[in-house]
């Protein structure tokens, strides 16, 4: 039974977003909640049927067939199709559509998911709400999982998703790709949301390791989806995918079995995923086409260097220059902090200390971790005081355990 439940859960995450996207594409985003309900009912029916009769020969096809039957029954029963959908389709496309056109073919799924991605990442919707919608509608995460990812509760997440879906309706957002002349600008927002989604997993504060990895995997999947369409398969898209591949390759080495944080210098290189590193190199090479250098290009090259464990002057000099460029086009305190660490590795403690003291990131435990490292051989008492401050500010047990281990070495 455990295997059956695990299989159904995995299927839900894989197929939920596909079916919601296809149904919403057919009937309009104003019916997105109906689409969610229909798909959820489909999985409930599957649970009941499969527990009694066992898994069918083709579970995915079974789900599509039942979802289609439930969809057609719902819209026929409510006469929504004849009274509302048909006139809109006729006016918009100047052709009729049959109820039985609802198809879960691979091409229909691919087209619908891509259009859903652009619809959800519409600038009219707040960024945080876009991430929540992406997790629910595009990645098939449950409300409990989304609440855990945001360190929030179900009620808050439900309200946030409800407001976001209302925005889809009130702004009359359509499930369609933007016009060709707008797609580049709209793509920037889509890439940004995928980047934030990946960051929710990679820099997550939840203790759930499986959820962290799943968030990263789903962000990578959405990025790869963009490469299947010529208009969105651009160098900056490939740069973002390369960045995610490089970071994800070191996921298993970042924490020990007892959930202690492992600093980069101490990571076991044999735990790095070589296949993901190779995939990252592939997309990094593709990103070199064209003249634009985006923040994703620079971050991807920095992440690439971090997939080479050996310390060399060339490595840290190049990383330092990349951070200098990144600060020019996309300044943030975290980039400035990382740039200071690169300065330390390239030019030594004294040069880095001058820059670090200027940052004054008083609520950032990584800042005090860096100060602890920089003062280590200069003023051990100051180093320990900064590590203690980092420990007090750290938000997860994994980080606290890692900092505690550093303090024990003094």
Foldseek 3Di string as FASTA:
>chain_A
DVVVVVVLLVCLQVCLLLQLLLLCQQQHLLCSVVSNVLLVVLSVVVVVVCVPVNQDPDNVVSSLVSSLVSSLVVCVVVVCCVPPVQVVCCVVVVDGDDSVVRDSDPVSSLLSLLLVLLLLLPPLQDLVLSLLCCCCNVRPDDLCLSCLLVVHDSVVSVVSPVVSSVSCVVVVRTSDQDPLVCNVVSLVSSLVSLLVQLCSLLVTQGPDVVSSLSSLVSSLVSLVSLCVDVSSVALLSLLLNLLSLLSSQCSVQQADPVLAGDDLLRTDLVSGRVVSLVSSVVSLVVSPPDDDDDLSNLSSVLSNLSNPNDQDLVSLVSNLVSLVVNCVPPNDLVSLQVSLVSCCSNPNLVVSVVSLVVSPPQLALVSLCVVLVSCVVPPNVSSLVSLVSSLVNDSHPNHNNNSVVVNVVD
